């Protein structure tokens, strides 16, 4: 788990973290608790380093 959290930090992972923090802060400030669910979604993507982007969800193309 430590290796998963401390390695492979790229730009999209930082953007997702910033967006999750932004959503959590907006949920607290505006008292709109639905933002917590969206913030948790992005935070889970940050923690487990998953999500679509840069061919992350592309179907592999093999021509034989």
N, C-alpha and C. Protein backbone atom coordinates (compact mmCIF):
# COMPACT_ATOMS: atom_id res chain seq x y z
N UNK A 1 0.83 -1.19 0.00
CA UNK A 1 0.00 0.00 0.00
C UNK A 1 0.87 1.25 0.00
N UNK A 2 1.95 1.21 0.75
CA UNK A 2 2.86 2.35 0.80
C UNK A 2 3.45 2.63 -0.57
N UNK A 3 3.82 1.58 -1.28
CA UNK A 3 4.37 1.72 -2.62
C UNK A 3 3.34 2.32 -3.58
N UNK A 4 2.08 1.90 -3.45
CA UNK A 4 1.01 2.41 -4.30
C UNK A 4 0.78 3.90 -4.08
N UNK A 5 0.88 4.35 -2.83
CA UNK A 5 0.62 5.75 -2.52
C UNK A 5 1.80 6.67 -2.84
N UNK A 6 3.01 6.17 -2.74
CA UNK A 6 4.17 7.04 -2.83
C UNK A 6 4.87 7.04 -4.19
N UNK A 7 4.44 6.22 -5.12
CA UNK A 7 5.11 6.17 -6.42
C UNK A 7 4.14 6.51 -7.54
N UNK A 8 4.70 6.83 -8.70
CA UNK A 8 3.97 7.07 -9.94
C UNK A 8 3.01 8.25 -9.85
N UNK A 9 3.48 9.37 -9.33
CA UNK A 9 2.67 10.58 -9.28
C UNK A 9 2.89 11.36 -10.57
N UNK A 10 1.85 11.47 -11.37
CA UNK A 10 1.90 12.19 -12.63
C UNK A 10 0.90 13.35 -12.58
N UNK A 11 0.85 14.12 -13.65
CA UNK A 11 0.05 15.34 -13.66
C UNK A 11 -1.43 15.07 -13.37
N UNK A 12 -2.02 14.07 -13.99
CA UNK A 12 -3.45 13.81 -13.79
C UNK A 12 -3.75 13.37 -12.35
N UNK A 13 -2.82 12.72 -11.74
CA UNK A 13 -3.04 12.32 -10.34
C UNK A 13 -3.06 13.55 -9.44
N UNK A 14 -2.17 14.51 -9.71
CA UNK A 14 -2.17 15.77 -8.95
C UNK A 14 -3.45 16.57 -9.22
N UNK A 15 -3.90 16.58 -10.47
CA UNK A 15 -5.13 17.32 -10.82
C UNK A 15 -6.33 16.72 -10.10
N UNK A 16 -6.42 15.39 -10.09
CA UNK A 16 -7.52 14.73 -9.38
C UNK A 16 -7.49 15.03 -7.88
N UNK A 17 -6.29 15.06 -7.29
CA UNK A 17 -6.17 15.38 -5.88
C UNK A 17 -6.63 16.81 -5.60
N UNK A 18 -6.21 17.74 -6.44
CA UNK A 18 -6.62 19.14 -6.27
C UNK A 18 -8.12 19.28 -6.43
N UNK A 19 -8.70 18.58 -7.39
CA UNK A 19 -10.14 18.66 -7.62
C UNK A 19 -10.91 18.04 -6.45
N UNK A 20 -10.41 16.94 -5.89
CA UNK A 20 -11.07 16.33 -4.74
C UNK A 20 -11.05 17.27 -3.54
N UNK A 21 -9.92 17.90 -3.30
CA UNK A 21 -9.82 18.86 -2.19
C UNK A 21 -10.76 20.04 -2.42
N UNK A 22 -10.82 20.52 -3.66
CA UNK A 22 -11.73 21.61 -4.00
C UNK A 22 -13.18 21.22 -3.74
N UNK A 23 -13.57 20.01 -4.15
CA UNK A 23 -14.94 19.57 -3.94
C UNK A 23 -15.27 19.41 -2.46
N UNK A 24 -14.33 18.89 -1.68
CA UNK A 24 -14.56 18.76 -0.23
C UNK A 24 -14.72 20.14 0.42
N UNK A 25 -13.89 21.09 0.00
CA UNK A 25 -13.99 22.43 0.58
C UNK A 25 -15.30 23.11 0.18
N UNK A 26 -15.73 22.92 -1.06
CA UNK A 26 -17.00 23.51 -1.49
C UNK A 26 -18.18 22.87 -0.78
N UNK A 27 -18.09 21.59 -0.52
CA UNK A 27 -19.16 20.91 0.22
C UNK A 27 -19.28 21.50 1.62
N UNK A 28 -18.15 21.79 2.25
CA UNK A 28 -18.17 22.37 3.59
C UNK A 28 -18.65 23.82 3.57
N UNK A 29 -18.16 24.60 2.63
CA UNK A 29 -18.51 26.02 2.57
C UNK A 29 -19.97 26.23 2.20
N UNK A 30 -20.43 25.52 1.16
CA UNK A 30 -21.79 25.72 0.65
C UNK A 30 -22.83 24.85 1.33
N UNK A 31 -22.39 23.93 2.18
CA UNK A 31 -23.28 22.98 2.84
C UNK A 31 -24.07 22.15 1.82
N UNK A 32 -23.43 21.84 0.70
CA UNK A 32 -24.00 20.96 -0.32
C UNK A 32 -23.28 19.63 -0.22
N UNK A 33 -23.85 18.71 0.52
CA UNK A 33 -23.15 17.49 0.87
C UNK A 33 -23.06 16.49 -0.28
N UNK A 34 -23.73 16.75 -1.39
CA UNK A 34 -23.58 15.89 -2.56
C UNK A 34 -22.17 16.01 -3.16
N UNK A 35 -21.53 17.14 -2.92
CA UNK A 35 -20.16 17.32 -3.43
C UNK A 35 -19.17 16.37 -2.75
N UNK A 36 -19.52 15.90 -1.56
CA UNK A 36 -18.65 14.95 -0.86
C UNK A 36 -18.54 13.65 -1.65
N UNK A 37 -19.64 13.21 -2.24
CA UNK A 37 -19.62 11.98 -3.03
C UNK A 37 -18.71 12.12 -4.24
N UNK A 38 -18.79 13.25 -4.92
CA UNK A 38 -17.93 13.48 -6.08
C UNK A 38 -16.47 13.62 -5.66
N UNK A 39 -16.24 14.30 -4.54
CA UNK A 39 -14.89 14.42 -4.03
C UNK A 39 -14.30 13.07 -3.63
N UNK A 40 -15.14 12.22 -3.04
CA UNK A 40 -14.68 10.88 -2.67
C UNK A 40 -14.35 10.05 -3.90
N UNK A 41 -15.12 10.22 -4.96
CA UNK A 41 -14.84 9.52 -6.21
C UNK A 41 -13.45 9.86 -6.74
N UNK A 42 -13.13 11.14 -6.78
CA UNK A 42 -11.82 11.56 -7.27
C UNK A 42 -10.71 11.19 -6.28
N UNK A 43 -10.99 11.22 -5.00
CA UNK A 43 -9.98 10.83 -4.02
C UNK A 43 -9.65 9.34 -4.12
N UNK A 44 -10.64 8.52 -4.37
CA UNK A 44 -10.39 7.09 -4.56
C UNK A 44 -9.53 6.86 -5.79
N UNK A 45 -9.78 7.64 -6.85
CA UNK A 45 -8.94 7.53 -8.04
C UNK A 45 -7.50 7.91 -7.73
N UNK A 46 -7.31 8.90 -6.89
CA UNK A 46 -5.95 9.32 -6.51
C UNK A 46 -5.27 8.25 -5.68
N UNK A 47 -5.97 7.72 -4.69
CA UNK A 47 -5.36 6.75 -3.79
C UNK A 47 -4.95 5.48 -4.53
N UNK A 48 -5.83 4.97 -5.38
CA UNK A 48 -5.55 3.72 -6.07
C UNK A 48 -4.94 3.91 -7.45
N UNK A 49 -4.69 5.15 -7.85
CA UNK A 49 -4.06 5.48 -9.13
C UNK A 49 -4.78 4.80 -10.28
N UNK A 50 -6.08 5.02 -10.36
CA UNK A 50 -6.85 4.44 -11.44
C UNK A 50 -7.71 5.51 -12.07
N UNK A 51 -8.26 5.21 -13.22
CA UNK A 51 -9.10 6.14 -13.93
C UNK A 51 -8.70 6.20 -15.38
N UNK A 52 -9.57 6.74 -16.17
CA UNK A 52 -9.31 6.83 -17.60
C UNK A 52 -8.46 8.06 -17.91
N UNK A 53 -7.59 7.92 -18.83
CA UNK A 53 -6.76 9.03 -19.27
C UNK A 53 -5.49 8.52 -19.91
N UNK A 54 -5.06 9.19 -20.93
CA UNK A 54 -3.84 8.83 -21.66
C UNK A 54 -3.82 7.35 -22.04
N UNK A 55 -4.88 6.93 -22.72
CA UNK A 55 -5.06 5.55 -23.17
C UNK A 55 -5.23 4.57 -22.02
N UNK A 56 -5.65 5.03 -20.86
CA UNK A 56 -5.85 4.14 -19.73
C UNK A 56 -7.03 3.21 -19.90
N UNK A 57 -8.04 3.64 -20.63
CA UNK A 57 -9.23 2.81 -20.84
C UNK A 57 -9.36 2.36 -22.29
N UNK A 58 -8.34 2.54 -23.06
CA UNK A 58 -8.40 2.16 -24.47
C UNK A 58 -8.34 0.64 -24.61
N UNK A 59 -9.02 0.15 -25.63
CA UNK A 59 -8.98 -1.26 -25.94
C UNK A 59 -7.67 -1.53 -26.68
N UNK A 60 -6.90 -2.50 -26.25
CA UNK A 60 -5.62 -2.77 -26.92
C UNK A 60 -5.85 -3.21 -28.37
N UNK A 61 -5.08 -2.64 -29.25
CA UNK A 61 -5.18 -2.94 -30.67
C UNK A 61 -4.05 -3.85 -31.07
N UNK A 62 -4.40 -5.04 -31.49
CA UNK A 62 -3.37 -5.95 -31.97
C UNK A 62 -3.76 -6.44 -33.35
N UNK A 63 -2.86 -6.28 -34.27
CA UNK A 63 -3.10 -6.68 -35.65
C UNK A 63 -2.22 -7.88 -35.94
N UNK A 64 -2.85 -9.00 -36.16
CA UNK A 64 -2.10 -10.23 -36.43
C UNK A 64 -2.39 -10.71 -37.82
